[in-house]
Amino acid sequence: MNKNNGIKLLKIIKEHVINNKKEYFIIFLIFVIGIFSGVFFINNIQEQPKNEMTNYLNQFIEKFKSIEGIDNMEMLKHSIFQNILLAISIWFFGTTVIGIPVVFGIILYRGFCLGYTISLCISIMGLGKGISFIFVALLLQNILFIPAILALGVSGFKLYKSIIKDKRKENIKLEILRHTIFSLIMVIILLLASLIEVFVSTNSLHMIIKYF
């Protein structure tokens, strides 16, 4: 991609966000509520479950340290499967009027998982090591992953609003087609996130895991 194409792409993305700012605000708010819910859950969990989580994380780190070679292809297959399944779920429920609460629920859950993971790592490892672990293990792929799932949620939300506003069969077909094409583009971004997760984040974590 040359510089001009990159500028055009950024312009298209900017216009898309501006034109759908209300939908993005609502979806982003749901995601943020999920993050704070995850943080609140960890900060208020009872001692026994927290000890079990601590043991699990410590066992994961120790096991990861002992691995000499990472099966990147197997991890990539798993990551791609999970991301495609997520995209299909949001796409499918976004195509039905009654499914939009499920889309909101998926976005809320993904935010919860992120907040839960961040809070757990910091709580167990301490602020310095926890942030370092999160930075290496989660940051890069989530730069693509989070905007992609938020955009999928917005696309489904737009489809829902369009169907409610105009229930003509022709309009519904057109909006579903737009939603599908947009979702396929987001799938490509999610596939890139999988590649970054496996070949950059995981390998980087494997190199510095001995310090945790």
N, C-alpha and C. Protein backbone atom coordinates (compact mmCIF):
# COMPACT_ATOMS: atom_id res chain seq x y z
N MET A 1 0.85 -1.20 0.00
CA MET A 1 0.00 0.00 0.00
C MET A 1 0.88 1.24 0.00
N ASN A 2 0.70 2.11 -1.02
CA ASN A 2 1.50 3.32 -1.07
C ASN A 2 0.91 4.39 -0.15
N LYS A 3 1.64 5.50 -0.07
CA LYS A 3 1.25 6.56 0.86
C LYS A 3 -0.13 7.14 0.55
N ASN A 4 -0.42 7.36 -0.74
CA ASN A 4 -1.72 7.94 -1.13
C ASN A 4 -2.88 7.02 -0.77
N ASN A 5 -2.69 5.71 -1.02
CA ASN A 5 -3.74 4.75 -0.66
C ASN A 5 -3.96 4.71 0.84
N GLY A 6 -2.86 4.80 1.59
CA GLY A 6 -2.96 4.81 3.05
C GLY A 6 -3.72 6.02 3.55
N ILE A 7 -3.45 7.18 2.95
CA ILE A 7 -4.16 8.41 3.34
C ILE A 7 -5.65 8.29 3.02
N LYS A 8 -5.96 7.73 1.84
CA LYS A 8 -7.36 7.54 1.44
C LYS A 8 -8.08 6.61 2.41
N LEU A 9 -7.39 5.54 2.80
CA LEU A 9 -7.99 4.58 3.72
C LEU A 9 -8.28 5.23 5.06
N LEU A 10 -7.33 6.00 5.57
CA LEU A 10 -7.53 6.70 6.84
C LEU A 10 -8.68 7.69 6.75
N LYS A 11 -8.80 8.34 5.59
CA LYS A 11 -9.89 9.30 5.38
C LYS A 11 -11.24 8.60 5.38
N ILE A 12 -11.29 7.42 4.73
CA ILE A 12 -12.54 6.64 4.69
C ILE A 12 -12.94 6.20 6.10
N ILE A 13 -11.94 5.72 6.87
CA ILE A 13 -12.21 5.28 8.24
C ILE A 13 -12.71 6.44 9.10
N LYS A 14 -12.04 7.60 8.94
CA LYS A 14 -12.43 8.79 9.71
C LYS A 14 -13.86 9.21 9.39
N GLU A 15 -14.21 9.21 8.09
CA GLU A 15 -15.56 9.59 7.68
C GLU A 15 -16.59 8.59 8.20
N HIS A 16 -16.23 7.31 8.17
CA HIS A 16 -17.14 6.27 8.66
C HIS A 16 -17.44 6.47 10.14
N VAL A 17 -16.40 6.75 10.92
CA VAL A 17 -16.59 6.95 12.36
C VAL A 17 -17.42 8.21 12.63
N ILE A 18 -17.12 9.29 11.91
CA ILE A 18 -17.86 10.55 12.09
C ILE A 18 -19.33 10.39 11.72
N ASN A 19 -19.58 9.70 10.61
CA ASN A 19 -20.96 9.50 10.15
C ASN A 19 -21.77 8.59 11.07
N ASN A 20 -21.07 7.81 11.86
CA ASN A 20 -21.76 6.87 12.76
C ASN A 20 -21.32 7.09 14.21
N LYS A 21 -21.07 8.34 14.55
CA LYS A 21 -20.51 8.64 15.87
C LYS A 21 -21.43 8.24 17.02
N LYS A 22 -22.75 8.37 16.82
CA LYS A 22 -23.68 7.99 17.89
C LYS A 22 -23.61 6.49 18.16
N GLU A 23 -23.59 5.72 17.08
CA GLU A 23 -23.52 4.26 17.22
C GLU A 23 -22.19 3.84 17.85
N TYR A 24 -21.11 4.48 17.41
CA TYR A 24 -19.79 4.15 17.98
C TYR A 24 -19.74 4.51 19.45
N PHE A 25 -20.35 5.64 19.82
CA PHE A 25 -20.35 6.05 21.24
C PHE A 25 -21.08 5.01 22.09
N ILE A 26 -22.23 4.54 21.61
CA ILE A 26 -23.01 3.57 22.38
C ILE A 26 -22.26 2.25 22.51
N ILE A 27 -21.72 1.75 21.39
CA ILE A 27 -20.97 0.49 21.41
C ILE A 27 -19.73 0.61 22.28
N PHE A 28 -19.02 1.73 22.15
CA PHE A 28 -17.81 1.95 22.95
C PHE A 28 -18.15 2.03 24.44
N LEU A 29 -19.27 2.68 24.75
CA LEU A 29 -19.71 2.78 26.14
C LEU A 29 -20.01 1.41 26.73
N ILE A 30 -20.68 0.56 25.95
CA ILE A 30 -20.96 -0.81 26.39
C ILE A 30 -19.66 -1.57 26.65
N PHE A 31 -18.69 -1.40 25.76
CA PHE A 31 -17.39 -2.06 25.91
C PHE A 31 -16.68 -1.58 27.18
N VAL A 32 -16.69 -0.28 27.42
CA VAL A 32 -16.05 0.29 28.61
C VAL A 32 -16.73 -0.18 29.89
N ILE A 33 -18.06 -0.27 29.86
CA ILE A 33 -18.79 -0.81 31.02
C ILE A 33 -18.34 -2.24 31.30
N GLY A 34 -18.13 -3.00 30.22
CA GLY A 34 -17.63 -4.37 30.37
C GLY A 34 -16.25 -4.40 31.01
N ILE A 35 -15.37 -3.48 30.60
CA ILE A 35 -14.02 -3.42 31.17
C ILE A 35 -14.09 -3.13 32.67
N PHE A 36 -14.87 -2.11 33.04
CA PHE A 36 -14.97 -1.76 34.46
C PHE A 36 -15.64 -2.87 35.26
N SER A 37 -16.56 -3.60 34.63
CA SER A 37 -17.19 -4.73 35.32
C SER A 37 -16.16 -5.82 35.62
N GLY A 38 -15.27 -6.07 34.65
CA GLY A 38 -14.21 -7.06 34.86
C GLY A 38 -13.25 -6.65 35.97
N VAL A 39 -12.89 -5.37 35.99
CA VAL A 39 -12.00 -4.84 37.03
C VAL A 39 -12.69 -4.93 38.40
N PHE A 40 -13.95 -4.54 38.45
CA PHE A 40 -14.72 -4.59 39.70
C PHE A 40 -14.83 -6.02 40.21
N PHE A 41 -15.04 -6.96 39.31
CA PHE A 41 -15.18 -8.37 39.68
C PHE A 41 -13.92 -8.88 40.36
N ILE A 42 -12.75 -8.60 39.77
CA ILE A 42 -11.49 -9.06 40.34
C ILE A 42 -11.21 -8.38 41.68
N ASN A 43 -11.48 -7.09 41.75
CA ASN A 43 -11.18 -6.33 42.98
C ASN A 43 -12.09 -6.72 44.14
N ASN A 44 -13.22 -7.36 43.85
CA ASN A 44 -14.18 -7.71 44.91
C ASN A 44 -14.39 -9.22 45.04
N ILE A 45 -13.54 -9.99 44.40
CA ILE A 45 -13.69 -11.44 44.46
C ILE A 45 -13.22 -11.96 45.81
N GLN A 46 -13.78 -13.06 46.24
CA GLN A 46 -13.40 -13.64 47.52
C GLN A 46 -12.00 -14.24 47.46
N GLU A 47 -11.42 -14.49 48.62
CA GLU A 47 -10.01 -14.90 48.71
C GLU A 47 -9.74 -16.25 48.05
N GLN A 48 -10.62 -17.24 48.27
CA GLN A 48 -10.36 -18.58 47.74
C GLN A 48 -10.35 -18.62 46.21
N PRO A 49 -11.38 -18.08 45.53
CA PRO A 49 -11.32 -18.05 44.06
C PRO A 49 -10.12 -17.26 43.54
N LYS A 50 -9.75 -16.18 44.23
CA LYS A 50 -8.61 -15.39 43.79
C LYS A 50 -7.31 -16.19 43.92
N ASN A 51 -7.19 -16.98 44.99
CA ASN A 51 -6.01 -17.84 45.15
C ASN A 51 -5.94 -18.88 44.05
N GLU A 52 -7.09 -19.42 43.66
CA GLU A 52 -7.13 -20.39 42.58
C GLU A 52 -6.68 -19.76 41.26
N MET A 53 -7.14 -18.52 41.01
CA MET A 53 -6.72 -17.80 39.80
C MET A 53 -5.22 -17.50 39.83
N THR A 54 -4.71 -17.15 41.00
CA THR A 54 -3.28 -16.88 41.16
C THR A 54 -2.47 -18.13 40.83
N ASN A 55 -2.89 -19.27 41.36
CA ASN A 55 -2.20 -20.53 41.10
C ASN A 55 -2.24 -20.88 39.62
N TYR A 56 -3.40 -20.64 38.99
CA TYR A 56 -3.54 -20.95 37.56
C TYR A 56 -2.60 -20.09 36.72
N LEU A 57 -2.54 -18.78 37.03
CA LEU A 57 -1.67 -17.89 36.27
C LEU A 57 -0.20 -18.24 36.49
N ASN A 58 0.16 -18.56 37.72
CA ASN A 58 1.55 -18.94 38.01
C ASN A 58 1.93 -20.23 37.30
N GLN A 59 1.00 -21.18 37.26
CA GLN A 59 1.25 -22.44 36.56
C GLN A 59 1.41 -22.21 35.05
N PHE A 60 0.57 -21.29 34.52
CA PHE A 60 0.67 -20.96 33.10
C PHE A 60 2.04 -20.37 32.78
N ILE A 61 2.51 -19.44 33.62
CA ILE A 61 3.80 -18.80 33.39
C ILE A 61 4.93 -19.81 33.47
N GLU A 62 4.89 -20.67 34.48
CA GLU A 62 5.94 -21.68 34.64
C GLU A 62 5.94 -22.67 33.48
N LYS A 63 4.75 -23.06 33.02
CA LYS A 63 4.65 -23.97 31.89
C LYS A 63 5.17 -23.31 30.62
N PHE A 64 4.84 -22.02 30.45
CA PHE A 64 5.29 -21.28 29.28
C PHE A 64 6.80 -21.13 29.27
N LYS A 65 7.40 -20.99 30.47
CA LYS A 65 8.85 -20.88 30.57
C LYS A 65 9.54 -22.16 30.11
N SER A 66 8.91 -23.30 30.37
CA SER A 66 9.54 -24.59 30.07
C SER A 66 9.40 -25.01 28.60
N ILE A 67 8.57 -24.28 27.85
CA ILE A 67 8.38 -24.61 26.44
C ILE A 67 9.58 -24.15 25.64
N GLU A 68 10.21 -25.07 24.92
CA GLU A 68 11.40 -24.71 24.13
C GLU A 68 11.01 -24.13 22.78
N GLY A 69 10.03 -24.71 22.15
CA GLY A 69 9.58 -24.22 20.85
C GLY A 69 8.06 -24.08 20.82
N ILE A 70 7.58 -23.00 20.23
CA ILE A 70 6.14 -22.74 20.18
C ILE A 70 5.57 -23.25 18.85
N ASP A 71 4.47 -23.96 18.94
CA ASP A 71 3.79 -24.43 17.73
C ASP A 71 2.93 -23.28 17.19
N ASN A 72 3.59 -22.42 16.41
CA ASN A 72 2.91 -21.22 15.93
C ASN A 72 1.68 -21.53 15.07
N MET A 73 1.78 -22.54 14.23
CA MET A 73 0.68 -22.85 13.32
C MET A 73 -0.55 -23.34 14.07
N GLU A 74 -0.33 -24.15 15.10
CA GLU A 74 -1.46 -24.64 15.89
C GLU A 74 -2.13 -23.49 16.63
N MET A 75 -1.31 -22.60 17.19
CA MET A 75 -1.84 -21.44 17.89
C MET A 75 -2.57 -20.51 16.93
N LEU A 76 -2.01 -20.37 15.72
CA LEU A 76 -2.64 -19.52 14.71
C LEU A 76 -4.01 -20.06 14.31
N LYS A 77 -4.09 -21.37 14.11
CA LYS A 77 -5.37 -21.99 13.76
C LYS A 77 -6.41 -21.72 14.84
N HIS A 78 -6.00 -21.88 16.09
CA HIS A 78 -6.92 -21.67 17.21
C HIS A 78 -7.37 -20.22 17.27
N SER A 79 -6.42 -19.28 17.14
CA SER A 79 -6.75 -17.85 17.21
C SER A 79 -7.66 -17.44 16.06
N ILE A 80 -7.36 -17.91 14.85
CA ILE A 80 -8.20 -17.59 13.69
C ILE A 80 -9.60 -18.14 13.87
N PHE A 81 -9.69 -19.38 14.35
CA PHE A 81 -11.01 -19.99 14.57
C PHE A 81 -11.83 -19.17 15.57
N GLN A 82 -11.20 -18.77 16.66
CA GLN A 82 -11.91 -18.00 17.69
C GLN A 82 -12.37 -16.65 17.14
N ASN A 83 -11.50 -15.98 16.39
CA ASN A 83 -11.85 -14.65 15.86
C ASN A 83 -12.93 -14.73 14.79
N ILE A 84 -12.85 -15.75 13.93
CA ILE A 84 -13.87 -15.91 12.90
C ILE A 84 -15.22 -16.26 13.53
N LEU A 85 -15.18 -17.14 14.54
CA LEU A 85 -16.41 -17.50 15.25
C LEU A 85 -17.04 -16.28 15.90
N LEU A 86 -16.21 -15.42 16.48
CA LEU A 86 -16.70 -14.18 17.08
C LEU A 86 -17.34 -13.28 16.02
N ALA A 87 -16.66 -13.12 14.89
CA ALA A 87 -17.17 -12.26 13.81
C ALA A 87 -18.48 -12.80 13.26
N ILE A 88 -18.56 -14.11 13.06
CA ILE A 88 -19.79 -14.73 12.54
C ILE A 88 -20.94 -14.53 13.52
N SER A 89 -20.65 -14.67 14.81
CA SER A 89 -21.68 -14.49 15.84
C SER A 89 -22.25 -13.08 15.81
N ILE A 90 -21.35 -12.08 15.76
CA ILE A 90 -21.81 -10.69 15.73
C ILE A 90 -22.55 -10.41 14.43
N TRP A 91 -22.03 -10.95 13.31
CA TRP A 91 -22.69 -10.75 12.01
C TRP A 91 -24.09 -11.36 12.03
N PHE A 92 -24.18 -12.60 12.49
CA PHE A 92 -25.46 -13.31 12.46
C PHE A 92 -26.51 -12.62 13.32
N PHE A 93 -26.17 -12.35 14.57
CA PHE A 93 -27.15 -11.72 15.46
C PHE A 93 -27.44 -10.29 15.05
N GLY A 94 -26.47 -9.66 14.34
CA GLY A 94 -26.70 -8.32 13.83
C GLY A 94 -27.69 -8.28 12.68
N THR A 95 -27.91 -9.42 12.02
CA THR A 95 -28.83 -9.46 10.88
C THR A 95 -30.28 -9.69 11.32
N THR A 96 -30.49 -9.90 12.61
CA THR A 96 -31.85 -10.11 13.11
C THR A 96 -32.21 -9.00 14.08
N VAL A 97 -33.43 -8.55 14.02
CA VAL A 97 -33.88 -7.47 14.90
C VAL A 97 -33.80 -7.88 16.36
N ILE A 98 -34.20 -9.12 16.65
CA ILE A 98 -34.20 -9.58 18.05
C ILE A 98 -32.80 -9.93 18.53
N GLY A 99 -31.83 -9.98 17.62
CA GLY A 99 -30.48 -10.40 18.00
C GLY A 99 -29.58 -9.28 18.46
N ILE A 100 -30.01 -8.01 18.32
CA ILE A 100 -29.13 -6.90 18.66
C ILE A 100 -28.74 -6.88 20.15
N PRO A 101 -29.64 -7.31 21.09
CA PRO A 101 -29.18 -7.39 22.49
C PRO A 101 -28.04 -8.40 22.66
N VAL A 102 -28.04 -9.45 21.84
CA VAL A 102 -26.95 -10.43 21.91
C VAL A 102 -25.65 -9.79 21.44
N VAL A 103 -25.72 -8.96 20.40
CA VAL A 103 -24.53 -8.23 19.92
C VAL A 103 -24.00 -7.35 21.05
N PHE A 104 -24.89 -6.62 21.71
CA PHE A 104 -24.47 -5.78 22.84
C PHE A 104 -23.84 -6.65 23.94
N GLY A 105 -24.43 -7.82 24.15
CA GLY A 105 -23.91 -8.73 25.18
C GLY A 105 -22.52 -9.23 24.85
N ILE A 106 -22.28 -9.52 23.57
CA ILE A 106 -20.95 -9.99 23.14
C ILE A 106 -19.91 -8.89 23.35
N ILE A 107 -20.25 -7.67 22.97
CA ILE A 107 -19.34 -6.54 23.16
C ILE A 107 -19.06 -6.33 24.65
N LEU A 108 -20.11 -6.40 25.47
CA LEU A 108 -19.97 -6.25 26.92
C LEU A 108 -19.06 -7.34 27.48
N TYR A 109 -19.25 -8.57 27.01
CA TYR A 109 -18.45 -9.70 27.49
C TYR A 109 -16.98 -9.56 27.12
N ARG A 110 -16.72 -9.10 25.88
CA ARG A 110 -15.32 -8.92 25.46
C ARG A 110 -14.65 -7.83 26.30
N GLY A 111 -15.39 -6.78 26.63
CA GLY A 111 -14.85 -5.76 27.51
C GLY A 111 -14.59 -6.31 28.90
N PHE A 112 -15.52 -7.13 29.40
CA PHE A 112 -15.36 -7.77 30.71
C PHE A 112 -14.09 -8.62 30.74
N CYS A 113 -13.88 -9.41 29.70
CA CYS A 113 -12.69 -10.28 29.64
C CYS A 113 -11.41 -9.47 29.66
N LEU A 114 -11.40 -8.35 28.93
CA LEU A 114 -10.21 -7.50 28.91
C LEU A 114 -9.96 -6.89 30.28
N GLY A 115 -10.99 -6.31 30.88
CA GLY A 115 -10.84 -5.72 32.21
C GLY A 115 -10.46 -6.76 33.25
N TYR A 116 -11.05 -7.93 33.16
CA TYR A 116 -10.76 -9.05 34.06
C TYR A 116 -9.29 -9.45 33.96
N THR A 117 -8.81 -9.60 32.73
CA THR A 117 -7.42 -10.04 32.50
C THR A 117 -6.43 -9.00 32.99
N ILE A 118 -6.66 -7.74 32.65
CA ILE A 118 -5.75 -6.66 33.06
C ILE A 118 -5.70 -6.56 34.58
N SER A 119 -6.86 -6.55 35.22
CA SER A 119 -6.93 -6.42 36.67
C SER A 119 -6.29 -7.61 37.37
N LEU A 120 -6.51 -8.82 36.83
CA LEU A 120 -5.94 -10.03 37.43
C LEU A 120 -4.42 -10.01 37.36
N CYS A 121 -3.87 -9.65 36.20
CA CYS A 121 -2.41 -9.62 36.03
C CYS A 121 -1.77 -8.61 36.97
N ILE A 122 -2.35 -7.43 37.07
CA ILE A 122 -1.80 -6.39 37.95
C ILE A 122 -1.95 -6.79 39.41
N SER A 123 -3.08 -7.40 39.76
CA SER A 123 -3.33 -7.81 41.13
C SER A 123 -2.35 -8.88 41.59
N ILE A 124 -2.01 -9.81 40.70
CA ILE A 124 -1.15 -10.93 41.05
C ILE A 124 0.33 -10.58 40.91
N MET A 125 0.69 -9.90 39.82
CA MET A 125 2.10 -9.63 39.53
C MET A 125 2.60 -8.32 40.11
N GLY A 126 1.68 -7.44 40.48
CA GLY A 126 2.08 -6.10 40.87
C GLY A 126 1.99 -5.16 39.68
N LEU A 127 2.04 -3.87 39.94
CA LEU A 127 1.81 -2.88 38.89
C LEU A 127 2.84 -2.96 37.77
N GLY A 128 4.12 -2.97 38.14
CA GLY A 128 5.19 -2.94 37.13
C GLY A 128 5.19 -4.17 36.23
N LYS A 129 5.29 -5.35 36.83
CA LYS A 129 5.33 -6.59 36.05
C LYS A 129 4.00 -6.84 35.34
N GLY A 130 2.91 -6.48 36.02
CA GLY A 130 1.59 -6.69 35.42
C GLY A 130 1.41 -5.90 34.15
N ILE A 131 1.77 -4.62 34.19
CA ILE A 131 1.66 -3.78 33.00
C ILE A 131 2.59 -4.26 31.90
N SER A 132 3.80 -4.68 32.28
CA SER A 132 4.76 -5.20 31.29
C SER A 132 4.21 -6.45 30.61
N PHE A 133 3.63 -7.34 31.42
CA PHE A 133 3.04 -8.58 30.88
C PHE A 133 1.91 -8.26 29.92
N ILE A 134 1.03 -7.35 30.33
CA ILE A 134 -0.11 -6.95 29.49
C ILE A 134 0.37 -6.31 28.21
N PHE A 135 1.37 -5.45 28.31
CA PHE A 135 1.91 -4.75 27.15
C PHE A 135 2.42 -5.74 26.11
N VAL A 136 3.17 -6.73 26.56
CA VAL A 136 3.76 -7.71 25.63
C VAL A 136 2.71 -8.69 25.11
N ALA A 137 1.86 -9.18 26.01
CA ALA A 137 0.94 -10.26 25.65
C ALA A 137 -0.34 -9.79 24.96
N LEU A 138 -0.78 -8.58 25.24
CA LEU A 138 -2.12 -8.17 24.79
C LEU A 138 -2.17 -6.94 23.90
N LEU A 139 -1.23 -6.03 24.05
CA LEU A 139 -1.41 -4.70 23.46
C LEU A 139 -1.51 -4.71 21.94
N LEU A 140 -0.52 -5.31 21.26
CA LEU A 140 -0.40 -5.15 19.81
C LEU A 140 -1.61 -5.69 19.05
N GLN A 141 -2.03 -6.92 19.37
CA GLN A 141 -3.17 -7.50 18.64
C GLN A 141 -4.48 -6.77 18.93
N ASN A 142 -4.58 -6.22 20.15
CA ASN A 142 -5.81 -5.51 20.52
C ASN A 142 -5.94 -4.15 19.87
N ILE A 143 -4.83 -3.62 19.35
CA ILE A 143 -4.90 -2.38 18.57
C ILE A 143 -5.77 -2.58 17.33
N LEU A 144 -5.76 -3.81 16.80
CA LEU A 144 -6.62 -4.15 15.66
C LEU A 144 -7.91 -4.83 16.12
N PHE A 145 -7.78 -5.72 17.11
CA PHE A 145 -8.92 -6.54 17.53
C PHE A 145 -10.07 -5.71 18.08
N ILE A 146 -9.77 -4.79 19.00
CA ILE A 146 -10.83 -4.01 19.64
C ILE A 146 -11.59 -3.13 18.65
N PRO A 147 -10.90 -2.32 17.82
CA PRO A 147 -11.65 -1.52 16.84
C PRO A 147 -12.49 -2.39 15.89
N ALA A 148 -11.97 -3.58 15.54
CA ALA A 148 -12.70 -4.45 14.60
C ALA A 148 -14.00 -4.95 15.21
N ILE A 149 -13.98 -5.40 16.47
CA ILE A 149 -15.23 -5.91 17.05
C ILE A 149 -16.19 -4.76 17.37
N LEU A 150 -15.65 -3.59 17.71
CA LEU A 150 -16.53 -2.44 17.92
C LEU A 150 -17.21 -2.05 16.61
N ALA A 151 -16.43 -2.06 15.52
CA ALA A 151 -16.99 -1.73 14.20
C ALA A 151 -18.03 -2.76 13.78
N LEU A 152 -17.81 -4.04 14.08
CA LEU A 152 -18.80 -5.07 13.79
C LEU A 152 -20.09 -4.82 14.56
N GLY A 153 -19.94 -4.44 15.83
CA GLY A 153 -21.11 -4.12 16.63
C GLY A 153 -21.87 -2.92 16.09
N VAL A 154 -21.14 -1.90 15.64
CA VAL A 154 -21.76 -0.72 15.05
C VAL A 154 -22.51 -1.09 13.77
N SER A 155 -21.90 -1.94 12.95
CA SER A 155 -22.54 -2.35 11.70
C SER A 155 -23.86 -3.08 11.96
N GLY A 156 -23.84 -3.97 12.96
CA GLY A 156 -25.07 -4.68 13.32
C GLY A 156 -26.12 -3.73 13.90
N PHE A 157 -25.68 -2.77 14.69
CA PHE A 157 -26.57 -1.78 15.28
C PHE A 157 -27.21 -0.91 14.20
N LYS A 158 -26.40 -0.51 13.20
CA LYS A 158 -26.92 0.28 12.08
C LYS A 158 -27.96 -0.51 11.29
N LEU A 159 -27.68 -1.79 11.07
CA LEU A 159 -28.62 -2.63 10.35
C LEU A 159 -29.95 -2.71 11.11
N TYR A 160 -29.87 -2.89 12.41
CA TYR A 160 -31.07 -2.95 13.25
C TYR A 160 -31.89 -1.67 13.12
N LYS A 161 -31.22 -0.52 13.21
CA LYS A 161 -31.92 0.77 13.12
C LYS A 161 -32.53 0.97 11.74
N SER A 162 -31.81 0.52 10.71
CA SER A 162 -32.31 0.68 9.34
C SER A 162 -33.55 -0.17 9.10
N ILE A 163 -33.54 -1.41 9.64
CA ILE A 163 -34.70 -2.30 9.48
C ILE A 163 -35.91 -1.75 10.22
N ILE A 164 -35.68 -1.21 11.41
CA ILE A 164 -36.78 -0.63 12.19
C ILE A 164 -37.37 0.57 11.45
N LYS A 165 -36.49 1.35 10.81
CA LYS A 165 -36.93 2.57 10.13
C LYS A 165 -37.63 2.27 8.81
N ASP A 166 -37.12 1.30 8.07
CA ASP A 166 -37.68 0.99 6.75
C ASP A 166 -37.73 -0.53 6.59
N LYS A 167 -38.92 -1.10 6.69
CA LYS A 167 -39.08 -2.55 6.69
C LYS A 167 -39.37 -3.12 5.30
N ARG A 168 -39.15 -2.32 4.27
CA ARG A 168 -39.31 -2.85 2.92
C ARG A 168 -38.27 -3.93 2.65
N LYS A 169 -38.68 -4.97 1.93
CA LYS A 169 -37.80 -6.10 1.65
C LYS A 169 -36.54 -5.65 0.92
N GLU A 170 -36.68 -4.72 -0.03
CA GLU A 170 -35.53 -4.25 -0.81
C GLU A 170 -34.50 -3.57 0.09
N ASN A 171 -34.98 -2.76 1.03
CA ASN A 171 -34.08 -2.07 1.96
C ASN A 171 -33.37 -3.06 2.87
N ILE A 172 -34.11 -4.05 3.36
CA ILE A 172 -33.54 -5.05 4.25
C ILE A 172 -32.43 -5.83 3.55
N LYS A 173 -32.68 -6.23 2.31
CA LYS A 173 -31.68 -6.97 1.54
C LYS A 173 -30.42 -6.15 1.32
N LEU A 174 -30.61 -4.88 0.97
CA LEU A 174 -29.47 -3.99 0.72
C LEU A 174 -28.64 -3.78 1.98
N GLU A 175 -29.31 -3.55 3.09
CA GLU A 175 -28.61 -3.29 4.35
C GLU A 175 -27.88 -4.54 4.85
N ILE A 176 -28.50 -5.71 4.66
CA ILE A 176 -27.83 -6.97 5.04
C ILE A 176 -26.59 -7.19 4.18
N LEU A 177 -26.69 -6.86 2.90
CA LEU A 177 -25.53 -6.98 2.00
C LEU A 177 -24.40 -6.06 2.46
N ARG A 178 -24.74 -4.82 2.78
CA ARG A 178 -23.74 -3.87 3.27
C ARG A 178 -23.10 -4.37 4.57
N HIS A 179 -23.94 -4.86 5.47
CA HIS A 179 -23.46 -5.39 6.75
C HIS A 179 -22.51 -6.57 6.52
N THR A 180 -22.86 -7.43 5.56
CA THR A 180 -22.04 -8.61 5.27
C THR A 180 -20.69 -8.22 4.69
N ILE A 181 -20.69 -7.30 3.72
CA ILE A 181 -19.43 -6.85 3.11
C ILE A 181 -18.53 -6.19 4.15
N PHE A 182 -19.14 -5.33 4.97
CA PHE A 182 -18.37 -4.66 6.02
C PHE A 182 -17.81 -5.68 7.01
N SER A 183 -18.60 -6.68 7.35
CA SER A 183 -18.16 -7.72 8.28
C SER A 183 -16.99 -8.51 7.72
N LEU A 184 -17.00 -8.77 6.42
CA LEU A 184 -15.89 -9.49 5.78
C LEU A 184 -14.60 -8.68 5.86
N ILE A 185 -14.72 -7.38 5.71
CA ILE A 185 -13.54 -6.51 5.84
C ILE A 185 -13.00 -6.58 7.27
N MET A 186 -13.90 -6.58 8.25
CA MET A 186 -13.47 -6.67 9.64
C MET A 186 -12.86 -8.04 9.94
N VAL A 187 -13.31 -9.08 9.26
CA VAL A 187 -12.72 -10.41 9.43
C VAL A 187 -11.26 -10.38 9.00
N ILE A 188 -10.96 -9.68 7.91
CA ILE A 188 -9.57 -9.56 7.45
C ILE A 188 -8.72 -8.90 8.53
N ILE A 189 -9.25 -7.85 9.16
CA ILE A 189 -8.52 -7.17 10.24
C ILE A 189 -8.33 -8.11 11.43
N LEU A 190 -9.35 -8.91 11.74
CA LEU A 190 -9.23 -9.86 12.83
C LEU A 190 -8.20 -10.95 12.52
N LEU A 191 -8.09 -11.32 11.26
CA LEU A 191 -7.06 -12.29 10.85
C LEU A 191 -5.66 -11.70 11.04
N LEU A 192 -5.52 -10.42 10.73
CA LEU A 192 -4.24 -9.74 10.96
C LEU A 192 -3.92 -9.70 12.46
N ALA A 193 -4.96 -9.48 13.27
CA ALA A 193 -4.78 -9.48 14.72
C ALA A 193 -4.30 -10.84 15.21
N SER A 194 -4.82 -11.91 14.61
CA SER A 194 -4.38 -13.26 14.95
C SER A 194 -2.91 -13.47 14.61
N LEU A 195 -2.50 -12.99 13.44
CA LEU A 195 -1.09 -13.12 13.03
C LEU A 195 -0.18 -12.38 14.00
N ILE A 196 -0.58 -11.19 14.40
CA ILE A 196 0.22 -10.40 15.36
C ILE A 196 0.27 -11.10 16.70
N GLU A 197 -0.88 -11.63 17.13
CA GLU A 197 -0.94 -12.32 18.42
C GLU A 197 0.02 -13.49 18.48
N VAL A 198 0.05 -14.29 17.42
CA VAL A 198 0.85 -15.52 17.42
C VAL A 198 2.32 -15.25 17.12
N PHE A 199 2.59 -14.50 16.07
CA PHE A 199 3.98 -14.36 15.61
C PHE A 199 4.74 -13.20 16.25
N VAL A 200 4.03 -12.26 16.87
CA VAL A 200 4.71 -11.13 17.52
C VAL A 200 4.55 -11.21 19.04
N SER A 201 3.31 -11.15 19.50
CA SER A 201 3.08 -11.09 20.94
C SER A 201 3.52 -12.37 21.66
N THR A 202 3.11 -13.52 21.15
CA THR A 202 3.43 -14.78 21.82
C THR A 202 4.93 -15.04 21.81
N ASN A 203 5.58 -14.81 20.67
CA ASN A 203 7.03 -15.03 20.59
C ASN A 203 7.78 -14.03 21.46
N SER A 204 7.30 -12.80 21.52
CA SER A 204 7.93 -11.80 22.39
C SER A 204 7.78 -12.20 23.86
N LEU A 205 6.59 -12.67 24.22
CA LEU A 205 6.35 -13.12 25.59
C LEU A 205 7.24 -14.30 25.93
N HIS A 206 7.43 -15.20 24.98
CA HIS A 206 8.27 -16.38 25.21
C HIS A 206 9.73 -15.98 25.49
N MET A 207 10.17 -14.88 24.88
CA MET A 207 11.55 -14.44 25.06
C MET A 207 11.77 -13.77 26.42
N ILE A 208 10.72 -13.12 26.96
CA ILE A 208 10.93 -12.37 28.22
C ILE A 208 10.20 -13.00 29.40
N ILE A 209 9.57 -14.15 29.19
CA ILE A 209 8.75 -14.76 30.27
C ILE A 209 9.58 -15.10 31.49
N LYS A 210 10.87 -15.33 31.32
CA LYS A 210 11.73 -15.70 32.45
C LYS A 210 11.83 -14.59 33.49
N TYR A 211 11.48 -13.37 33.11
CA TYR A 211 11.56 -12.24 34.03
C TYR A 211 10.29 -12.08 34.88
N PHE A 212 9.27 -12.89 34.59
CA PHE A 212 8.03 -12.78 35.35
C PHE A 212 7.96 -13.82 36.46
